[in-house]
Amino acid sequence: MGSGVEAAPVTRTVLVAGANGQVGRHVTESLAERGDTARAMIREASQADEMERLGGEPVVADLTETVDHAVEGCDAVVFAAGSGGEDVYGVDRDGAIRLIDAATEAGVDRFVMLSSMGADDPDAGPEPLRDYLIAKAEADEYLRNSDPVSTIVRPGELTTEPGTGEIRAGTGLELGSGDIPREDVAETLVTAIDVESLHGETFEILSGDESIEAALETVGSQ
């Protein structure tokens, strides 16, 4: 017979790299709403108040410098940072690698990477995006060969439309091309943390008509 005392919910500490970005803000807010500790990684201390408003616990760290202190005590990392095209190799590749190494050293178990559709074949992408796709592809490959259990999410074109909670998810080129609201991308990243069947998986997402949870379970069962 049970004691009649309900167990306290398990909470995690999740580092959100790029927490001040458009996707990162949604990730931070979603984690906080779920009861997790969202450690919001920001480059400027002036961004701390906004992170606290979203429910995050701000930590100042720069992906182009040491980030070891940011990952201490974390259970998982969600990499939602981006260079905005200004330093794709310094941030999107080398910054990601720096954070992966720090997470490995700190014993972080889980790492969910925001990548990009087209990173599987950068040479086939548009010329203005080629360096970005190469940087993402190399960071993705580094993560796959590192210790944290990885999931790599590659969305199509990002929009600012409100999220619907419904997506299409798949691997390879089966989805074709399209777009997806940033809010739905963020919810996918957060949901993916707990889907064991996505361990080691890389997949693409677009707007669709299937719930995020159901779509991710389908990907993991393929």
N, C-alpha and C. Protein backbone atom coordinates (compact mmCIF):
# COMPACT_ATOMS: atom_id res chain seq x y z
N MET A 1 0.84 -1.20 0.00
CA MET A 1 0.00 0.00 0.00
C MET A 1 0.87 1.24 0.00
N GLY A 2 0.39 2.30 -0.66
CA GLY A 2 1.14 3.54 -0.72
C GLY A 2 1.00 4.32 0.56
N SER A 3 1.88 5.30 0.72
CA SER A 3 1.87 6.11 1.91
C SER A 3 0.80 7.19 1.87
N GLY A 4 0.25 7.42 0.68
CA GLY A 4 -0.74 8.48 0.53
C GLY A 4 -0.11 9.84 0.30
N VAL A 5 1.21 9.89 0.25
CA VAL A 5 1.92 11.14 0.00
C VAL A 5 2.40 11.13 -1.44
N GLU A 6 1.99 12.11 -2.22
CA GLU A 6 2.38 12.18 -3.62
C GLU A 6 3.83 12.63 -3.72
N ALA A 7 4.55 11.99 -4.64
CA ALA A 7 5.94 12.38 -4.86
C ALA A 7 6.00 13.76 -5.49
N ALA A 8 7.02 14.53 -5.10
CA ALA A 8 7.19 15.85 -5.70
C ALA A 8 7.58 15.69 -7.15
N PRO A 9 7.10 16.58 -8.01
CA PRO A 9 7.46 16.48 -9.43
C PRO A 9 8.95 16.67 -9.63
N VAL A 10 9.49 15.92 -10.59
CA VAL A 10 10.91 16.03 -10.90
C VAL A 10 11.13 17.27 -11.74
N THR A 11 12.01 18.13 -11.29
CA THR A 11 12.33 19.32 -12.06
C THR A 11 13.77 19.24 -12.53
N ARG A 12 14.03 19.94 -13.62
CA ARG A 12 15.37 19.93 -14.21
C ARG A 12 15.92 21.34 -14.24
N THR A 13 17.23 21.43 -14.35
CA THR A 13 17.87 22.70 -14.66
C THR A 13 18.37 22.61 -16.09
N VAL A 14 17.82 23.47 -16.94
CA VAL A 14 18.13 23.43 -18.37
C VAL A 14 18.77 24.74 -18.79
N LEU A 15 19.98 24.66 -19.32
CA LEU A 15 20.63 25.85 -19.86
C LEU A 15 20.06 26.17 -21.24
N VAL A 16 19.62 27.40 -21.42
CA VAL A 16 19.12 27.85 -22.72
C VAL A 16 20.16 28.78 -23.32
N ALA A 17 20.92 28.29 -24.28
CA ALA A 17 21.90 29.13 -24.98
C ALA A 17 21.16 29.96 -26.02
N GLY A 18 21.41 31.26 -26.00
CA GLY A 18 20.67 32.14 -26.89
C GLY A 18 19.31 32.50 -26.34
N ALA A 19 19.22 32.62 -25.01
CA ALA A 19 17.92 32.83 -24.37
C ALA A 19 17.28 34.16 -24.76
N ASN A 20 18.07 35.13 -25.18
CA ASN A 20 17.50 36.43 -25.56
C ASN A 20 17.07 36.48 -27.01
N GLY A 21 17.31 35.41 -27.76
CA GLY A 21 16.85 35.37 -29.15
C GLY A 21 15.36 35.07 -29.22
N GLN A 22 14.81 35.14 -30.42
CA GLN A 22 13.37 34.97 -30.57
C GLN A 22 12.92 33.56 -30.21
N VAL A 23 13.67 32.54 -30.64
CA VAL A 23 13.34 31.17 -30.25
C VAL A 23 13.68 30.95 -28.78
N GLY A 24 14.83 31.44 -28.35
CA GLY A 24 15.29 31.25 -26.98
C GLY A 24 14.33 31.80 -25.95
N ARG A 25 13.71 32.92 -26.24
CA ARG A 25 12.73 33.49 -25.30
C ARG A 25 11.55 32.54 -25.12
N HIS A 26 11.08 32.00 -26.21
CA HIS A 26 9.97 31.04 -26.11
C HIS A 26 10.40 29.79 -25.34
N VAL A 27 11.63 29.32 -25.56
CA VAL A 27 12.13 28.15 -24.85
C VAL A 27 12.19 28.43 -23.35
N THR A 28 12.73 29.57 -22.99
CA THR A 28 12.85 29.94 -21.58
C THR A 28 11.49 29.99 -20.91
N GLU A 29 10.54 30.61 -21.57
CA GLU A 29 9.20 30.74 -21.01
C GLU A 29 8.51 29.38 -20.88
N SER A 30 8.68 28.53 -21.89
CA SER A 30 8.05 27.21 -21.86
C SER A 30 8.62 26.36 -20.74
N LEU A 31 9.93 26.37 -20.56
CA LEU A 31 10.55 25.60 -19.48
C LEU A 31 10.04 26.06 -18.12
N ALA A 32 9.98 27.37 -17.94
CA ALA A 32 9.51 27.92 -16.67
C ALA A 32 8.07 27.51 -16.40
N GLU A 33 7.24 27.53 -17.43
CA GLU A 33 5.83 27.15 -17.26
C GLU A 33 5.70 25.69 -16.88
N ARG A 34 6.66 24.85 -17.30
CA ARG A 34 6.63 23.43 -16.96
C ARG A 34 7.17 23.16 -15.55
N GLY A 35 7.70 24.18 -14.91
CA GLY A 35 8.23 24.01 -13.57
C GLY A 35 9.71 23.72 -13.53
N ASP A 36 10.39 23.77 -14.68
CA ASP A 36 11.83 23.56 -14.72
C ASP A 36 12.56 24.86 -14.40
N THR A 37 13.82 24.72 -14.04
CA THR A 37 14.68 25.90 -13.89
C THR A 37 15.30 26.19 -15.24
N ALA A 38 14.93 27.31 -15.82
CA ALA A 38 15.47 27.71 -17.12
C ALA A 38 16.63 28.66 -16.87
N ARG A 39 17.83 28.15 -17.02
CA ARG A 39 19.01 29.01 -16.85
C ARG A 39 19.24 29.74 -18.17
N ALA A 40 18.90 30.99 -18.17
CA ALA A 40 18.86 31.78 -19.40
C ALA A 40 20.23 32.40 -19.67
N MET A 41 20.94 31.86 -20.64
CA MET A 41 22.28 32.34 -20.98
C MET A 41 22.20 33.54 -21.89
N ILE A 42 22.75 34.65 -21.42
CA ILE A 42 22.71 35.92 -22.15
C ILE A 42 24.10 36.51 -22.25
N ARG A 43 24.30 37.38 -23.23
CA ARG A 43 25.62 37.99 -23.42
C ARG A 43 25.76 39.28 -22.62
N GLU A 44 24.66 39.95 -22.33
CA GLU A 44 24.70 41.25 -21.67
C GLU A 44 23.89 41.21 -20.39
N ALA A 45 24.46 41.75 -19.31
CA ALA A 45 23.75 41.79 -18.04
C ALA A 45 22.48 42.62 -18.13
N SER A 46 22.43 43.55 -19.06
CA SER A 46 21.25 44.40 -19.23
C SER A 46 20.03 43.61 -19.69
N GLN A 47 20.23 42.38 -20.17
CA GLN A 47 19.12 41.53 -20.62
C GLN A 47 18.52 40.70 -19.49
N ALA A 48 19.11 40.78 -18.29
CA ALA A 48 18.71 39.91 -17.19
C ALA A 48 17.26 40.14 -16.77
N ASP A 49 16.83 41.39 -16.69
CA ASP A 49 15.46 41.67 -16.23
C ASP A 49 14.43 41.01 -17.14
N GLU A 50 14.68 41.04 -18.44
CA GLU A 50 13.74 40.43 -19.38
C GLU A 50 13.70 38.92 -19.20
N MET A 51 14.86 38.31 -18.94
CA MET A 51 14.90 36.87 -18.72
C MET A 51 14.13 36.49 -17.45
N GLU A 52 14.27 37.29 -16.42
CA GLU A 52 13.53 37.03 -15.18
C GLU A 52 12.03 37.19 -15.40
N ARG A 53 11.65 38.14 -16.23
CA ARG A 53 10.23 38.33 -16.54
C ARG A 53 9.65 37.09 -17.22
N LEU A 54 10.47 36.42 -18.01
CA LEU A 54 10.04 35.21 -18.72
C LEU A 54 10.08 33.98 -17.82
N GLY A 55 10.61 34.13 -16.61
CA GLY A 55 10.69 33.00 -15.69
C GLY A 55 12.05 32.34 -15.64
N GLY A 56 13.03 32.93 -16.33
CA GLY A 56 14.36 32.33 -16.36
C GLY A 56 15.26 32.87 -15.27
N GLU A 57 16.35 32.14 -15.04
CA GLU A 57 17.40 32.57 -14.13
C GLU A 57 18.61 32.94 -14.99
N PRO A 58 18.87 34.24 -15.15
CA PRO A 58 19.90 34.66 -16.09
C PRO A 58 21.32 34.30 -15.65
N VAL A 59 22.15 33.94 -16.63
CA VAL A 59 23.58 33.76 -16.43
C VAL A 59 24.28 34.40 -17.62
N VAL A 60 25.26 35.25 -17.33
CA VAL A 60 25.96 35.96 -18.39
C VAL A 60 27.13 35.12 -18.88
N ALA A 61 27.12 34.82 -20.17
CA ALA A 61 28.20 34.04 -20.78
C ALA A 61 28.19 34.31 -22.28
N ASP A 62 29.37 34.23 -22.88
CA ASP A 62 29.55 34.52 -24.30
C ASP A 62 30.09 33.27 -24.99
N LEU A 63 29.42 32.83 -26.04
CA LEU A 63 29.83 31.61 -26.74
C LEU A 63 31.21 31.73 -27.38
N THR A 64 31.71 32.95 -27.55
CA THR A 64 33.04 33.11 -28.12
C THR A 64 34.12 33.11 -27.03
N GLU A 65 33.70 32.96 -25.77
CA GLU A 65 34.64 32.92 -24.65
C GLU A 65 34.32 31.68 -23.80
N THR A 66 34.80 31.64 -22.58
CA THR A 66 34.53 30.48 -21.73
C THR A 66 33.07 30.45 -21.30
N VAL A 67 32.51 29.25 -21.31
CA VAL A 67 31.10 29.08 -20.91
C VAL A 67 30.97 28.00 -19.82
N ASP A 68 32.10 27.61 -19.25
CA ASP A 68 32.09 26.52 -18.27
C ASP A 68 31.15 26.80 -17.10
N HIS A 69 31.15 28.04 -16.61
CA HIS A 69 30.32 28.37 -15.45
C HIS A 69 28.84 28.27 -15.75
N ALA A 70 28.47 28.44 -17.01
CA ALA A 70 27.05 28.46 -17.37
C ALA A 70 26.41 27.08 -17.26
N VAL A 71 27.18 26.03 -17.49
CA VAL A 71 26.61 24.68 -17.53
C VAL A 71 26.69 23.94 -16.20
N GLU A 72 27.37 24.51 -15.22
CA GLU A 72 27.54 23.84 -13.93
C GLU A 72 26.17 23.55 -13.29
N GLY A 73 25.96 22.29 -12.93
CA GLY A 73 24.72 21.90 -12.27
C GLY A 73 23.53 21.71 -13.19
N CYS A 74 23.75 21.76 -14.49
CA CYS A 74 22.64 21.61 -15.44
C CYS A 74 22.39 20.14 -15.77
N ASP A 75 21.13 19.82 -16.01
CA ASP A 75 20.75 18.47 -16.44
C ASP A 75 20.68 18.36 -17.96
N ALA A 76 20.44 19.48 -18.63
CA ALA A 76 20.29 19.48 -20.08
C ALA A 76 20.65 20.85 -20.63
N VAL A 77 20.92 20.87 -21.92
CA VAL A 77 21.20 22.11 -22.65
C VAL A 77 20.28 22.17 -23.86
N VAL A 78 19.69 23.33 -24.09
CA VAL A 78 19.00 23.59 -25.35
C VAL A 78 19.79 24.70 -26.05
N PHE A 79 20.36 24.38 -27.20
CA PHE A 79 21.15 25.36 -27.95
C PHE A 79 20.23 26.05 -28.95
N ALA A 80 19.85 27.29 -28.63
CA ALA A 80 18.97 28.06 -29.50
C ALA A 80 19.65 29.34 -29.95
N ALA A 81 20.98 29.39 -29.81
CA ALA A 81 21.73 30.59 -30.16
C ALA A 81 21.95 30.67 -31.66
N GLY A 82 22.22 31.88 -32.14
CA GLY A 82 22.51 32.07 -33.55
C GLY A 82 23.30 33.35 -33.76
N SER A 83 24.11 33.36 -34.78
CA SER A 83 24.98 34.50 -35.05
C SER A 83 24.25 35.63 -35.77
N GLY A 84 23.10 35.32 -36.35
CA GLY A 84 22.42 36.32 -37.17
C GLY A 84 23.20 36.64 -38.43
N GLY A 85 24.11 35.74 -38.82
CA GLY A 85 24.88 35.93 -40.04
C GLY A 85 26.13 36.75 -39.86
N GLU A 86 26.41 37.23 -38.64
CA GLU A 86 27.56 38.10 -38.41
C GLU A 86 28.86 37.33 -38.18
N ASP A 87 28.79 36.17 -37.55
CA ASP A 87 29.98 35.38 -37.25
C ASP A 87 29.58 33.92 -37.22
N VAL A 88 29.24 33.38 -38.38
CA VAL A 88 28.65 32.04 -38.41
C VAL A 88 29.60 30.97 -37.90
N TYR A 89 30.87 31.07 -38.25
CA TYR A 89 31.81 30.05 -37.79
C TYR A 89 32.18 30.26 -36.32
N GLY A 90 32.26 31.51 -35.90
CA GLY A 90 32.62 31.80 -34.52
C GLY A 90 31.54 31.45 -33.53
N VAL A 91 30.27 31.58 -33.92
CA VAL A 91 29.15 31.33 -33.01
C VAL A 91 28.44 30.02 -33.35
N ASP A 92 27.96 29.90 -34.59
CA ASP A 92 27.14 28.74 -34.95
C ASP A 92 27.92 27.43 -34.97
N ARG A 93 29.21 27.50 -35.22
CA ARG A 93 30.03 26.29 -35.17
C ARG A 93 30.90 26.26 -33.92
N ASP A 94 31.88 27.18 -33.83
CA ASP A 94 32.85 27.14 -32.73
C ASP A 94 32.19 27.39 -31.38
N GLY A 95 31.21 28.29 -31.33
CA GLY A 95 30.51 28.55 -30.07
C GLY A 95 29.73 27.33 -29.62
N ALA A 96 29.08 26.67 -30.57
CA ALA A 96 28.35 25.45 -30.24
C ALA A 96 29.30 24.37 -29.74
N ILE A 97 30.43 24.21 -30.41
CA ILE A 97 31.42 23.22 -30.00
C ILE A 97 31.96 23.54 -28.61
N ARG A 98 32.20 24.81 -28.35
CA ARG A 98 32.68 25.22 -27.02
C ARG A 98 31.68 24.83 -25.94
N LEU A 99 30.39 25.03 -26.22
CA LEU A 99 29.37 24.69 -25.24
C LEU A 99 29.21 23.17 -25.10
N ILE A 100 29.33 22.45 -26.19
CA ILE A 100 29.27 20.98 -26.13
C ILE A 100 30.41 20.45 -25.26
N ASP A 101 31.61 20.99 -25.45
CA ASP A 101 32.74 20.55 -24.64
C ASP A 101 32.52 20.87 -23.16
N ALA A 102 31.99 22.05 -22.88
CA ALA A 102 31.73 22.44 -21.49
C ALA A 102 30.67 21.53 -20.87
N ALA A 103 29.64 21.20 -21.65
CA ALA A 103 28.59 20.32 -21.16
C ALA A 103 29.15 18.92 -20.89
N THR A 104 30.02 18.45 -21.76
CA THR A 104 30.64 17.15 -21.56
C THR A 104 31.47 17.14 -20.29
N GLU A 105 32.27 18.16 -20.09
CA GLU A 105 33.12 18.25 -18.91
C GLU A 105 32.30 18.33 -17.63
N ALA A 106 31.13 18.99 -17.71
CA ALA A 106 30.27 19.15 -16.54
C ALA A 106 29.37 17.94 -16.29
N GLY A 107 29.40 16.98 -17.19
CA GLY A 107 28.58 15.78 -17.02
C GLY A 107 27.12 15.97 -17.36
N VAL A 108 26.82 16.94 -18.22
CA VAL A 108 25.43 17.17 -18.64
C VAL A 108 24.96 15.99 -19.49
N ASP A 109 23.78 15.47 -19.18
CA ASP A 109 23.31 14.25 -19.83
C ASP A 109 22.67 14.48 -21.20
N ARG A 110 22.08 15.65 -21.40
CA ARG A 110 21.18 15.83 -22.55
C ARG A 110 21.49 17.13 -23.26
N PHE A 111 21.49 17.10 -24.60
CA PHE A 111 21.80 18.28 -25.39
C PHE A 111 20.88 18.29 -26.60
N VAL A 112 20.01 19.30 -26.68
CA VAL A 112 19.10 19.45 -27.82
C VAL A 112 19.57 20.64 -28.64
N MET A 113 19.86 20.40 -29.89
CA MET A 113 20.44 21.41 -30.78
C MET A 113 19.42 21.94 -31.78
N LEU A 114 19.29 23.26 -31.84
CA LEU A 114 18.54 23.89 -32.91
C LEU A 114 19.46 24.05 -34.11
N SER A 115 19.18 23.34 -35.17
CA SER A 115 19.98 23.39 -36.38
C SER A 115 19.17 24.05 -37.49
N SER A 116 19.27 23.58 -38.69
CA SER A 116 18.54 24.19 -39.81
C SER A 116 18.31 23.16 -40.91
N MET A 117 17.12 23.21 -41.47
CA MET A 117 16.86 22.41 -42.66
C MET A 117 17.86 22.83 -43.74
N GLY A 118 18.45 21.87 -44.40
CA GLY A 118 19.47 22.15 -45.41
C GLY A 118 20.88 21.89 -44.92
N ALA A 119 21.04 21.70 -43.60
CA ALA A 119 22.37 21.43 -43.06
C ALA A 119 22.89 20.05 -43.45
N ASP A 120 22.00 19.18 -43.93
CA ASP A 120 22.45 17.86 -44.38
C ASP A 120 23.19 17.94 -45.71
N ASP A 121 22.98 19.05 -46.46
CA ASP A 121 23.65 19.21 -47.76
C ASP A 121 23.87 20.69 -48.03
N PRO A 122 24.83 21.31 -47.33
CA PRO A 122 25.03 22.76 -47.46
C PRO A 122 25.31 23.22 -48.88
N ASP A 123 26.01 22.41 -49.67
CA ASP A 123 26.36 22.83 -51.03
C ASP A 123 25.13 23.03 -51.90
N ALA A 124 24.02 22.39 -51.54
CA ALA A 124 22.79 22.52 -52.32
C ALA A 124 21.97 23.73 -51.87
N GLY A 125 22.38 24.39 -50.80
CA GLY A 125 21.63 25.52 -50.28
C GLY A 125 21.91 26.80 -51.03
N PRO A 126 21.12 27.84 -50.74
CA PRO A 126 21.34 29.14 -51.38
C PRO A 126 22.73 29.68 -51.03
N GLU A 127 23.38 30.33 -51.96
CA GLU A 127 24.73 30.83 -51.75
C GLU A 127 24.86 31.71 -50.50
N PRO A 128 23.92 32.64 -50.23
CA PRO A 128 24.06 33.47 -49.04
C PRO A 128 24.02 32.69 -47.72
N LEU A 129 23.42 31.50 -47.75
CA LEU A 129 23.29 30.70 -46.53
C LEU A 129 24.33 29.59 -46.43
N ARG A 130 25.19 29.47 -47.42
CA ARG A 130 26.05 28.29 -47.48
C ARG A 130 26.99 28.20 -46.29
N ASP A 131 27.64 29.30 -45.94
CA ASP A 131 28.56 29.26 -44.79
C ASP A 131 27.80 28.91 -43.51
N TYR A 132 26.62 29.47 -43.36
CA TYR A 132 25.81 29.17 -42.17
C TYR A 132 25.47 27.68 -42.11
N LEU A 133 25.05 27.11 -43.22
CA LEU A 133 24.69 25.70 -43.25
C LEU A 133 25.90 24.80 -43.01
N ILE A 134 27.05 25.21 -43.52
CA ILE A 134 28.28 24.44 -43.26
C ILE A 134 28.60 24.47 -41.77
N ALA A 135 28.50 25.66 -41.17
CA ALA A 135 28.79 25.81 -39.75
C ALA A 135 27.85 24.95 -38.91
N LYS A 136 26.56 24.96 -39.26
CA LYS A 136 25.59 24.15 -38.52
C LYS A 136 25.86 22.66 -38.72
N ALA A 137 26.18 22.27 -39.93
CA ALA A 137 26.46 20.86 -40.20
C ALA A 137 27.65 20.36 -39.40
N GLU A 138 28.68 21.18 -39.31
CA GLU A 138 29.88 20.76 -38.57
C GLU A 138 29.62 20.72 -37.07
N ALA A 139 28.83 21.65 -36.56
CA ALA A 139 28.46 21.62 -35.14
C ALA A 139 27.59 20.40 -34.84
N ASP A 140 26.66 20.10 -35.73
CA ASP A 140 25.80 18.92 -35.54
C ASP A 140 26.63 17.65 -35.48
N GLU A 141 27.57 17.53 -36.38
CA GLU A 141 28.40 16.32 -36.43
C GLU A 141 29.25 16.20 -35.16
N TYR A 142 29.76 17.32 -34.70
CA TYR A 142 30.56 17.30 -33.47
C TYR A 142 29.71 16.82 -32.30
N LEU A 143 28.47 17.32 -32.22
CA LEU A 143 27.58 16.92 -31.14
C LEU A 143 27.29 15.42 -31.19
N ARG A 144 27.04 14.88 -32.37
CA ARG A 144 26.75 13.46 -32.51
C ARG A 144 27.88 12.60 -31.96
N ASN A 145 29.11 13.09 -32.07
CA ASN A 145 30.28 12.33 -31.65
C ASN A 145 30.75 12.69 -30.24
N SER A 146 29.92 13.42 -29.50
CA SER A 146 30.26 13.83 -28.14
C SER A 146 29.43 13.04 -27.13
N ASP A 147 29.73 13.25 -25.85
CA ASP A 147 29.12 12.44 -24.80
C ASP A 147 27.65 12.74 -24.51
N PRO A 148 27.22 14.00 -24.44
CA PRO A 148 25.79 14.20 -24.10
C PRO A 148 24.88 13.52 -25.11
N VAL A 149 23.79 12.96 -24.63
CA VAL A 149 22.81 12.35 -25.52
C VAL A 149 22.18 13.47 -26.35
N SER A 150 22.26 13.36 -27.66
CA SER A 150 21.88 14.46 -28.53
C SER A 150 20.55 14.25 -29.23
N THR A 151 19.89 15.36 -29.51
CA THR A 151 18.78 15.41 -30.46
C THR A 151 18.98 16.68 -31.26
N ILE A 152 18.94 16.56 -32.58
CA ILE A 152 19.19 17.70 -33.46
C ILE A 152 17.91 17.98 -34.25
N VAL A 153 17.40 19.21 -34.09
CA VAL A 153 16.13 19.61 -34.69
C VAL A 153 16.41 20.63 -35.79
N ARG A 154 15.94 20.34 -37.01
CA ARG A 154 16.22 21.19 -38.16
C ARG A 154 14.92 21.74 -38.75
N PRO A 155 14.54 22.95 -38.35
CA PRO A 155 13.30 23.53 -38.88
C PRO A 155 13.50 24.15 -40.25
N GLY A 156 12.37 24.39 -40.92
CA GLY A 156 12.39 25.16 -42.14
C GLY A 156 12.47 26.64 -41.83
N GLU A 157 12.02 27.47 -42.75
CA GLU A 157 12.09 28.92 -42.56
C GLU A 157 11.28 29.33 -41.33
N LEU A 158 11.88 30.15 -40.48
CA LEU A 158 11.23 30.56 -39.24
C LEU A 158 10.36 31.79 -39.45
N THR A 159 9.18 31.79 -38.84
CA THR A 159 8.27 32.92 -38.95
C THR A 159 7.93 33.43 -37.55
N THR A 160 7.31 34.60 -37.51
CA THR A 160 6.89 35.20 -36.24
C THR A 160 5.40 34.98 -35.99
N GLU A 161 4.77 34.13 -36.79
CA GLU A 161 3.35 33.83 -36.58
C GLU A 161 3.16 33.13 -35.24
N PRO A 162 1.99 33.28 -34.62
CA PRO A 162 1.74 32.56 -33.36
C PRO A 162 1.83 31.05 -33.58
N GLY A 163 2.32 30.36 -32.57
CA GLY A 163 2.42 28.92 -32.66
C GLY A 163 1.05 28.27 -32.66
N THR A 164 0.97 27.11 -33.31
CA THR A 164 -0.29 26.36 -33.36
C THR A 164 -0.22 25.09 -32.51
N GLY A 165 0.99 24.69 -32.13
CA GLY A 165 1.15 23.43 -31.42
C GLY A 165 1.09 22.22 -32.32
N GLU A 166 1.07 22.44 -33.65
CA GLU A 166 0.99 21.34 -34.61
C GLU A 166 2.09 21.47 -35.64
N ILE A 167 2.75 20.35 -35.94
CA ILE A 167 3.88 20.35 -36.86
C ILE A 167 3.85 19.12 -37.74
N ARG A 168 4.77 19.09 -38.70
CA ARG A 168 5.15 17.88 -39.42
C ARG A 168 6.60 17.61 -39.07
N ALA A 169 6.96 16.38 -38.87
CA ALA A 169 8.33 16.03 -38.51
C ALA A 169 8.75 14.79 -39.29
N GLY A 170 9.99 14.78 -39.72
CA GLY A 170 10.49 13.63 -40.47
C GLY A 170 11.97 13.76 -40.71
N THR A 171 12.53 12.77 -41.37
CA THR A 171 13.95 12.77 -41.67
C THR A 171 14.18 12.84 -43.17
N GLY A 172 15.38 13.25 -43.54
CA GLY A 172 15.71 13.34 -44.95
C GLY A 172 14.96 14.46 -45.64
N LEU A 173 14.62 14.23 -46.89
CA LEU A 173 13.97 15.26 -47.69
C LEU A 173 12.46 15.02 -47.85
N GLU A 174 11.91 14.12 -47.06
CA GLU A 174 10.52 13.72 -47.26
C GLU A 174 9.52 14.84 -46.99
N LEU A 175 9.93 15.85 -46.21
CA LEU A 175 8.99 16.92 -45.87
C LEU A 175 8.92 18.00 -46.94
N GLY A 176 9.89 18.05 -47.82
CA GLY A 176 9.94 19.14 -48.78
C GLY A 176 10.40 20.41 -48.11
N SER A 177 9.87 21.56 -48.53
CA SER A 177 10.27 22.84 -47.95
C SER A 177 9.05 23.53 -47.36
N GLY A 178 9.29 24.56 -46.56
CA GLY A 178 8.19 25.28 -45.95
C GLY A 178 8.68 26.08 -44.77
N ASP A 179 7.73 26.53 -43.94
CA ASP A 179 8.11 27.35 -42.79
C ASP A 179 7.44 26.84 -41.53
N ILE A 180 7.75 27.52 -40.42
CA ILE A 180 7.22 27.12 -39.11
C ILE A 180 7.38 28.27 -38.14
N PRO A 181 6.39 28.55 -37.31
CA PRO A 181 6.54 29.62 -36.32
C PRO A 181 7.64 29.30 -35.30
N ARG A 182 8.36 30.33 -34.90
CA ARG A 182 9.41 30.15 -33.90
C ARG A 182 8.85 29.56 -32.60
N GLU A 183 7.64 29.94 -32.25
CA GLU A 183 7.04 29.43 -31.02
C GLU A 183 6.90 27.91 -31.07
N ASP A 184 6.52 27.37 -32.23
CA ASP A 184 6.40 25.92 -32.37
C ASP A 184 7.76 25.24 -32.37
N VAL A 185 8.77 25.91 -32.93
CA VAL A 185 10.13 25.38 -32.87
C VAL A 185 10.59 25.26 -31.43
N ALA A 186 10.36 26.32 -30.66
CA ALA A 186 10.76 26.32 -29.25
C ALA A 186 10.06 25.21 -28.48
N GLU A 187 8.77 25.03 -28.72
CA GLU A 187 8.03 23.99 -28.01
C GLU A 187 8.53 22.61 -28.40
N THR A 188 8.95 22.46 -29.65
CA THR A 188 9.52 21.19 -30.10
C THR A 188 10.83 20.90 -29.38
N LEU A 189 11.68 21.92 -29.25
CA LEU A 189 12.96 21.74 -28.56
C LEU A 189 12.75 21.31 -27.11
N VAL A 190 11.82 21.97 -26.44
CA VAL A 190 11.56 21.66 -25.03
C VAL A 190 10.96 20.26 -24.89
N THR A 191 10.00 19.94 -25.74
CA THR A 191 9.36 18.63 -25.67
C THR A 191 10.35 17.51 -25.95
N ALA A 192 11.27 17.75 -26.88
CA ALA A 192 12.23 16.73 -27.28
C ALA A 192 13.16 16.30 -26.15
N ILE A 193 13.35 17.15 -25.16
CA ILE A 193 14.25 16.80 -24.06
C ILE A 193 13.86 15.47 -23.44
N ASP A 194 12.56 15.23 -23.29
CA ASP A 194 12.06 14.08 -22.55
C ASP A 194 11.66 12.89 -23.42
N VAL A 195 11.81 12.99 -24.72
CA VAL A 195 11.40 11.89 -25.61
C VAL A 195 12.60 10.97 -25.83
N GLU A 196 12.62 9.86 -25.12
CA GLU A 196 13.78 8.97 -25.18
C GLU A 196 14.01 8.39 -26.58
N SER A 197 12.94 8.21 -27.33
CA SER A 197 13.09 7.63 -28.67
C SER A 197 13.80 8.59 -29.63
N LEU A 198 13.99 9.86 -29.21
CA LEU A 198 14.70 10.82 -30.05
C LEU A 198 16.18 10.90 -29.71
N HIS A 199 16.64 10.09 -28.76
CA HIS A 199 18.06 10.09 -28.42
C HIS A 199 18.89 9.71 -29.64
N GLY A 200 19.81 10.58 -30.00
CA GLY A 200 20.68 10.33 -31.15
C GLY A 200 20.05 10.64 -32.50
N GLU A 201 18.84 11.21 -32.50
CA GLU A 201 18.13 11.45 -33.76
C GLU A 201 18.37 12.87 -34.29
N THR A 202 18.33 12.97 -35.62
CA THR A 202 18.35 14.25 -36.33
C THR A 202 17.13 14.26 -37.26
N PHE A 203 16.34 15.33 -37.21
CA PHE A 203 15.12 15.36 -38.03
C PHE A 203 14.72 16.79 -38.35
N GLU A 204 13.84 16.92 -39.34
CA GLU A 204 13.35 18.22 -39.79
C GLU A 204 11.92 18.45 -39.30
N ILE A 205 11.55 19.73 -39.16
CA ILE A 205 10.17 20.07 -38.79
C ILE A 205 9.67 21.24 -39.62
N LEU A 206 8.37 21.19 -39.91
CA LEU A 206 7.65 22.26 -40.59
C LEU A 206 6.28 22.38 -39.94
N SER A 207 5.57 23.44 -40.26
CA SER A 207 4.18 23.53 -39.80
C SER A 207 3.39 22.35 -40.34
N GLY A 208 2.43 21.89 -39.56
CA GLY A 208 1.65 20.74 -39.98
C GLY A 208 0.34 20.64 -39.25
N ASP A 209 -0.18 19.42 -39.15
CA ASP A 209 -1.49 19.23 -38.54
C ASP A 209 -1.47 18.12 -37.48
N GLU A 210 -0.29 17.82 -36.96
CA GLU A 210 -0.15 16.80 -35.93
C GLU A 210 0.42 17.45 -34.67
N SER A 211 -0.06 17.07 -33.52
CA SER A 211 0.46 17.67 -32.29
C SER A 211 1.96 17.44 -32.19
N ILE A 212 2.65 18.36 -31.54
CA ILE A 212 4.10 18.24 -31.41
C ILE A 212 4.47 16.92 -30.76
N GLU A 213 3.77 16.55 -29.69
CA GLU A 213 4.08 15.32 -28.98
C GLU A 213 3.93 14.11 -29.89
N ALA A 214 2.81 14.05 -30.63
CA ALA A 214 2.56 12.91 -31.50
C ALA A 214 3.56 12.85 -32.65
N ALA A 215 3.88 14.01 -33.21
CA ALA A 215 4.84 14.05 -34.33
C ALA A 215 6.21 13.55 -33.89
N LEU A 216 6.63 13.95 -32.70
CA LEU A 216 7.94 13.54 -32.21
C LEU A 216 7.99 12.06 -31.88
N GLU A 217 6.91 11.54 -31.35
CA GLU A 217 6.85 10.10 -31.08
C GLU A 217 6.94 9.32 -32.39
N THR A 218 6.33 9.84 -33.44
CA THR A 218 6.37 9.17 -34.73
C THR A 218 7.78 9.14 -35.28
N VAL A 219 8.49 10.27 -35.18
CA VAL A 219 9.88 10.33 -35.64
C VAL A 219 10.72 9.31 -34.90
N GLY A 220 10.55 9.25 -33.58
CA GLY A 220 11.36 8.36 -32.76
C GLY A 220 11.09 6.89 -33.02
N SER A 221 9.94 6.57 -33.59
CA SER A 221 9.60 5.17 -33.85
C SER A 221 10.00 4.71 -35.25
N GLN A 222 10.51 5.62 -36.07
CA GLN A 222 10.86 5.26 -37.45
C GLN A 222 12.13 4.43 -37.49
